[in-house]
Amino acid sequence: MAIDVLVAYATKYGSTQEVAEAIATHLDDLGLAVDVQQARDVASVAPYAAVVLGAPLYAGRWLGDARRFLRVHRQTLERTPFAVFALGPLLGTEEQFAGAKVQLDRALARERTLTPAAVEIFGGRLHQADHPFPFSRMPESDIRDWDAIRAWSEGLPAKLGLRVPLGAA
């Protein structure tokens, strides 16, 4: 069986990996064959019908492994449907989400020839023990909205031009 979708992720502390795995599970529930890999470990995106790439935003920048993934796989991604997500805000304010969207848009604009079919920002998670000072002094936070992640995942096949098998969930 051919693999339909690659869900690639860059992560520092594991939160984005958890979201990537949830997206992969939702796509699998729809009947799509899904492969999940760390972005830095992906040798080629050519075998896939579509790609989903996710990474966190830190201090106004999308994690380097995600930016590198876009550069390395640019030629194939120019003709492969792909979607992008980022984890960022630690508070659920409109201002933080708008700022994160600007940061992600800025990172994507550097790859002028690439146009994602879908782009989304999800809330992030901060676990004090994972982070150095001064972040280790910030309050614990996890505002990942698993219902929103599921809804976005379920809409991906249509946005990526993928056919969901008959009788799938």
C-alpha atoms as a PDB file:
ATOM      1  CA  MET A   1       0.000   0.000   0.000  1.00  0.00           C
ATOM      2  CA  ALA A   2       1.327   3.435  -0.938  1.00  0.00           C
ATOM      3  CA  ILE A   3       1.614   5.973   1.828  1.00  0.00           C
ATOM      4  CA  ASP A   4      -0.684   8.929   1.207  1.00  0.00           C
ATOM      5  CA  VAL A   5       0.525  11.481   3.730  1.00  0.00           C
ATOM      6  CA  LEU A   6       3.762  12.346   5.470  1.00  0.00           C
ATOM      7  CA  VAL A   7       3.297  14.157   8.774  1.00  0.00           C
ATOM      8  CA  ALA A   8       6.686  15.694   9.527  1.00  0.00           C
ATOM      9  CA  TYR A   9       7.429  17.665  12.655  1.00  0.00           C
ATOM     10  CA  ALA A  10      10.171  19.601  14.353  1.00  0.00           C
ATOM     11  CA  THR A  11      10.116  19.651  18.120  1.00  0.00           C
ATOM     12  CA  LYS A  12      12.280  20.722  21.005  1.00  0.00           C
ATOM     13  CA  TYR A  13      10.412  19.315  23.983  1.00  0.00           C
ATOM     14  CA  GLY A  14       7.903  16.863  22.463  1.00  0.00           C
ATOM     15  CA  SER A  15       4.725  18.925  22.391  1.00  0.00           C
ATOM     16  CA  THR A  16       4.692  19.318  18.607  1.00  0.00           C
ATOM     17  CA  GLN A  17       5.386  15.603  18.199  1.00  0.00           C
ATOM     18  CA  GLU A  18       2.247  14.879  20.238  1.00  0.00           C
ATOM     19  CA  VAL A  19       0.191  17.126  17.956  1.00  0.00           C
ATOM     20  CA  ALA A  20       1.748  15.590  14.814  1.00  0.00           C
ATOM     21  CA  GLU A  21       0.896  12.106  16.091  1.00  0.00           C
ATOM     22  CA  ALA A  22      -2.685  13.190  16.819  1.00  0.00           C
ATOM     23  CA  ILE A  23      -3.027  14.597  13.284  1.00  0.00           C
ATOM     24  CA  ALA A  24      -1.645  11.347  11.879  1.00  0.00           C
ATOM     25  CA  THR A  25      -4.134   9.343  13.949  1.00  0.00           C
ATOM     26  CA  HIS A  26      -7.054  11.445  12.685  1.00  0.00           C
ATOM     27  CA  LEU A  27      -5.917  11.017   9.066  1.00  0.00           C
ATOM     28  CA  ASP A  28      -5.481   7.285   9.631  1.00  0.00           C
ATOM     29  CA  ASP A  29      -9.019   7.146  11.076  1.00  0.00           C
ATOM     30  CA  LEU A  30     -10.192   8.617   7.760  1.00  0.00           C
ATOM     31  CA  GLY A  31      -8.601   5.684   5.944  1.00  0.00           C
ATOM     32  CA  LEU A  32      -5.427   7.365   4.709  1.00  0.00           C
ATOM     33  CA  ALA A  33      -2.027   5.705   4.977  1.00  0.00           C
ATOM     34  CA  VAL A  34       0.159   7.983   7.101  1.00  0.00           C
ATOM     35  CA  ASP A  35       3.845   8.135   7.942  1.00  0.00           C
ATOM     36  CA  VAL A  36       5.074  10.275  10.872  1.00  0.00           C
ATOM     37  CA  GLN A  37       8.711  11.397  11.024  1.00  0.00           C
ATOM     38  CA  GLN A  38      10.881  14.069  12.556  1.00  0.00           C
ATOM     39  CA  ALA A  39      11.467  16.670   9.849  1.00  0.00           C
ATOM     40  CA  ARG A  40      15.243  16.361  10.124  1.00  0.00           C
ATOM     41  CA  ASP A  41      15.035  12.601   9.423  1.00  0.00           C
ATOM     42  CA  VAL A  42      13.022  12.846   6.184  1.00  0.00           C
ATOM     43  CA  ALA A  43      15.191  11.817   3.239  1.00  0.00           C
ATOM     44  CA  SER A  44      12.591  12.505   0.544  1.00  0.00           C
ATOM     45  CA  VAL A  45       8.991  13.688   0.276  1.00  0.00           C
ATOM     46  CA  ALA A  46       8.652  12.341  -3.286  1.00  0.00           C
ATOM     47  CA  PRO A  47       6.875   9.090  -2.310  1.00  0.00           C
ATOM     48  CA  TYR A  48       3.982  10.949  -0.655  1.00  0.00           C
ATOM     49  CA  ALA A  49       0.793  12.330  -2.192  1.00  0.00           C
ATOM     50  CA  ALA A  50       0.732  15.107   0.434  1.00  0.00           C
ATOM     51  CA  VAL A  51       2.766  16.473   3.338  1.00  0.00           C
ATOM     52  CA  VAL A  52       1.852  18.057   6.670  1.00  0.00           C
ATOM     53  CA  LEU A  53       4.654  19.938   8.439  1.00  0.00           C
ATOM     54  CA  GLY A  54       4.491  21.232  11.991  1.00  0.00           C
ATOM     55  CA  ALA A  55       6.851  23.019  14.351  1.00  0.00           C
ATOM     56  CA  PRO A  56       6.733  25.343  17.333  1.00  0.00           C
ATOM     57  CA  LEU A  57       7.416  29.048  17.333  1.00  0.00           C
ATOM     58  CA  TYR A  58      10.088  30.202  19.784  1.00  0.00           C
ATOM     59  CA  ALA A  59      10.927  33.863  20.362  1.00  0.00           C
ATOM     60  CA  GLY A  60       9.275  34.845  17.108  1.00  0.00           C
ATOM     61  CA  ARG A  61      10.908  32.174  14.952  1.00  0.00           C
ATOM     62  CA  TRP A  62       9.687  28.873  13.571  1.00  0.00           C
ATOM     63  CA  LEU A  63      11.991  26.071  14.699  1.00  0.00           C
ATOM     64  CA  GLY A  64      15.015  25.696  12.410  1.00  0.00           C
ATOM     65  CA  ASP A  65      14.366  22.055  11.458  1.00  0.00           C
ATOM     66  CA  ALA A  66      11.055  23.100   9.874  1.00  0.00           C
ATOM     67  CA  ARG A  67      12.629  25.952   7.917  1.00  0.00           C
ATOM     68  CA  ARG A  68      15.401  23.598   6.783  1.00  0.00           C
ATOM     69  CA  PHE A  69      12.795  20.989   5.745  1.00  0.00           C
ATOM     70  CA  LEU A  70      11.142  23.514   3.423  1.00  0.00           C
ATOM     71  CA  ARG A  71      14.479  24.489   1.862  1.00  0.00           C
ATOM     72  CA  VAL A  72      15.728  20.915   1.404  1.00  0.00           C
ATOM     73  CA  HIS A  73      12.466  19.606  -0.068  1.00  0.00           C
ATOM     74  CA  ARG A  74      11.427  22.789  -1.916  1.00  0.00           C
ATOM     75  CA  GLN A  75      11.481  21.341  -5.435  1.00  0.00           C
ATOM     76  CA  THR A  76       9.214  18.436  -4.561  1.00  0.00           C
ATOM     77  CA  LEU A  77       6.952  20.570  -2.348  1.00  0.00           C
ATOM     78  CA  GLU A  78       6.422  22.971  -5.259  1.00  0.00           C
ATOM     79  CA  ARG A  79       4.375  20.202  -6.899  1.00  0.00           C
ATOM     80  CA  THR A  80       3.123  18.323  -3.824  1.00  0.00           C
ATOM     81  CA  PRO A  81       0.165  19.568  -1.788  1.00  0.00           C
ATOM     82  CA  PHE A  82       1.236  20.403   1.736  1.00  0.00           C
ATOM     83  CA  ALA A  83      -0.137  21.916   4.913  1.00  0.00           C
ATOM     84  CA  VAL A  84       1.622  23.662   7.768  1.00  0.00           C
ATOM     85  CA  PHE A  85       0.873  24.085  11.440  1.00  0.00           C
ATOM     86  CA  ALA A  86       2.678  25.786  14.282  1.00  0.00           C
ATOM     87  CA  LEU A  87       2.381  25.716  18.042  1.00  0.00           C
ATOM     88  CA  GLY A  88       2.959  29.033  19.653  1.00  0.00           C
ATOM     89  CA  PRO A  89       0.796  30.979  22.040  1.00  0.00           C
ATOM     90  CA  LEU A  90       0.920  30.000  25.687  1.00  0.00           C
ATOM     91  CA  LEU A  91      -2.096  32.166  26.504  1.00  0.00           C
ATOM     92  CA  GLY A  92      -5.301  31.910  24.535  1.00  0.00           C
ATOM     93  CA  THR A  93      -5.533  35.607  23.719  1.00  0.00           C
ATOM     94  CA  GLU A  94      -6.410  36.863  20.255  1.00  0.00           C
ATOM     95  CA  GLU A  95      -3.339  39.092  20.406  1.00  0.00           C
ATOM     96  CA  GLN A  96      -0.999  36.132  20.978  1.00  0.00           C
ATOM     97  CA  PHE A  97      -2.604  34.083  18.207  1.00  0.00           C
ATOM     98  CA  ALA A  98      -2.421  37.030  15.791  1.00  0.00           C
ATOM     99  CA  GLY A  99       1.243  37.556  16.661  1.00  0.00           C
ATOM    100  CA  ALA A 100       2.000  33.876  16.132  1.00  0.00           C
ATOM    101  CA  LYS A 101       0.250  33.985  12.744  1.00  0.00           C
ATOM    102  CA  VAL A 102       2.435  36.944  11.703  1.00  0.00           C
ATOM    103  CA  GLN A 103       5.553  35.041  12.817  1.00  0.00           C
ATOM    104  CA  LEU A 104       4.570  31.908  10.887  1.00  0.00           C
ATOM    105  CA  ASP A 105       3.592  33.922   7.793  1.00  0.00           C
ATOM    106  CA  ARG A 106       7.010  35.605   7.924  1.00  0.00           C
ATOM    107  CA  ALA A 107       8.768  32.224   8.060  1.00  0.00           C
ATOM    108  CA  LEU A 108       6.706  30.877   5.148  1.00  0.00           C
ATOM    109  CA  ALA A 109       7.232  34.040   3.074  1.00  0.00           C
ATOM    110  CA  ARG A 110      10.959  33.268   2.965  1.00  0.00           C
ATOM    111  CA  GLU A 111      10.091  30.276   0.796  1.00  0.00           C
ATOM    112  CA  ARG A 112       8.557  32.348  -1.996  1.00  0.00           C
ATOM    113  CA  THR A 113       7.867  29.467  -4.374  1.00  0.00           C
ATOM    114  CA  LEU A 114       5.965  27.407  -1.802  1.00  0.00           C
ATOM    115  CA  THR A 115       2.287  27.875  -1.078  1.00  0.00           C
ATOM    116  CA  PRO A 116       0.732  25.672   1.603  1.00  0.00           C
ATOM    117  CA  ALA A 117      -2.828  24.493   0.986  1.00  0.00           C
ATOM    118  CA  ALA A 118      -3.627  25.012   4.674  1.00  0.00           C
ATOM    119  CA  VAL A 119      -1.933  26.881   7.520  1.00  0.00           C
ATOM    120  CA  GLU A 120      -2.969  26.761  11.173  1.00  0.00           C
ATOM    121  CA  ILE A 121      -1.756  27.992  14.554  1.00  0.00           C
ATOM    122  CA  PHE A 122      -2.487  25.957  17.664  1.00  0.00           C
ATOM    123  CA  GLY A 123      -1.860  26.875  21.261  1.00  0.00           C
ATOM    124  CA  GLY A 124       1.321  25.582  22.789  1.00  0.00           C
ATOM    125  CA  ARG A 125       2.512  23.958  25.966  1.00  0.00           C
ATOM    126  CA  LEU A 126       5.107  25.078  28.486  1.00  0.00           C
ATOM    127  CA  HIS A 127       6.403  22.558  30.978  1.00  0.00           C
ATOM    128  CA  GLN A 128       8.764  24.407  33.327  1.00  0.00           C
ATOM    129  CA  ALA A 129      11.128  21.481  33.846  1.00  0.00           C
ATOM    130  CA  ASP A 130      11.844  21.329  30.096  1.00  0.00           C
ATOM    131  CA  HIS A 131      13.006  24.908  29.745  1.00  0.00           C
ATOM    132  CA  PRO A 132      16.013  26.944  30.886  1.00  0.00           C
ATOM    133  CA  PHE A 133      15.732  30.243  32.719  1.00  0.00           C
ATOM    134  CA  PRO A 134      13.789  32.537  32.254  1.00  0.00           C
ATOM    135  CA  PHE A 135      11.157  30.198  30.771  1.00  0.00           C
ATOM    136  CA  SER A 136      11.529  27.845  33.738  1.00  0.00           C
ATOM    137  CA  ARG A 137      10.055  30.656  35.873  1.00  0.00           C
ATOM    138  CA  MET A 138       6.961  31.065  33.698  1.00  0.00           C
ATOM    139  CA  PRO A 139       3.734  29.391  34.802  1.00  0.00           C
ATOM    140  CA  GLU A 140       2.963  25.954  33.386  1.00  0.00           C
ATOM    141  CA  SER A 141       0.662  26.153  30.397  1.00  0.00           C
ATOM    142  CA  ASP A 142      -0.986  23.772  27.936  1.00  0.00           C
ATOM    143  CA  ILE A 143      -3.576  25.376  25.679  1.00  0.00           C
ATOM    144  CA  ARG A 144      -3.435  22.830  22.872  1.00  0.00           C
ATOM    145  CA  ASP A 145      -7.040  22.489  21.718  1.00  0.00           C
ATOM    146  CA  TRP A 146      -7.406  18.826  20.781  1.00  0.00           C
ATOM    147  CA  ASP A 147     -10.891  19.376  19.315  1.00  0.00           C
ATOM    148  CA  ALA A 148      -9.540  22.100  17.021  1.00  0.00           C
ATOM    149  CA  ILE A 149      -6.626  19.851  16.044  1.00  0.00           C
ATOM    150  CA  ARG A 150      -9.057  17.049  15.180  1.00  0.00           C
ATOM    151  CA  ALA A 151     -11.296  19.384  13.157  1.00  0.00           C
ATOM    152  CA  TRP A 152      -8.329  20.780  11.215  1.00  0.00           C
ATOM    153  CA  SER A 153      -7.011  17.252  10.593  1.00  0.00           C
ATOM    154  CA  GLU A 154     -10.361  16.051   9.309  1.00  0.00           C
ATOM    155  CA  GLY A 155     -10.494  18.953   6.841  1.00  0.00           C
ATOM    156  CA  LEU A 156      -7.027  18.270   5.458  1.00  0.00           C
ATOM    157  CA  PRO A 157      -7.905  15.619   2.859  1.00  0.00           C
ATOM    158  CA  ALA A 158     -10.167  18.048   0.981  1.00  0.00           C
ATOM    159  CA  LYS A 159      -7.599  20.864   1.191  1.00  0.00           C
ATOM    160  CA  LEU A 160      -4.794  18.563   0.054  1.00  0.00           C
ATOM    161  CA  GLY A 161      -6.829  17.023  -2.762  1.00  0.00           C
ATOM    162  CA  LEU A 162      -6.804  13.541  -1.221  1.00  0.00           C
ATOM    163  CA  ARG A 163      -9.583  11.038  -1.635  1.00  0.00           C
ATOM    164  CA  VAL A 164     -10.836   9.491   1.561  1.00  0.00           C
ATOM    165  CA  PRO A 165     -11.578   5.794   0.984  1.00  0.00           C
ATOM    166  CA  LEU A 166     -15.255   4.821   0.856  1.00  0.00           C
ATOM    167  CA  GLY A 167     -16.570   3.620   4.189  1.00  0.00           C
ATOM    168  CA  ALA A 168     -13.845   5.435   6.144  1.00  0.00           C
ATOM    169  CA  ALA A 169     -14.804   7.157   9.374  1.00  0.00           C
END
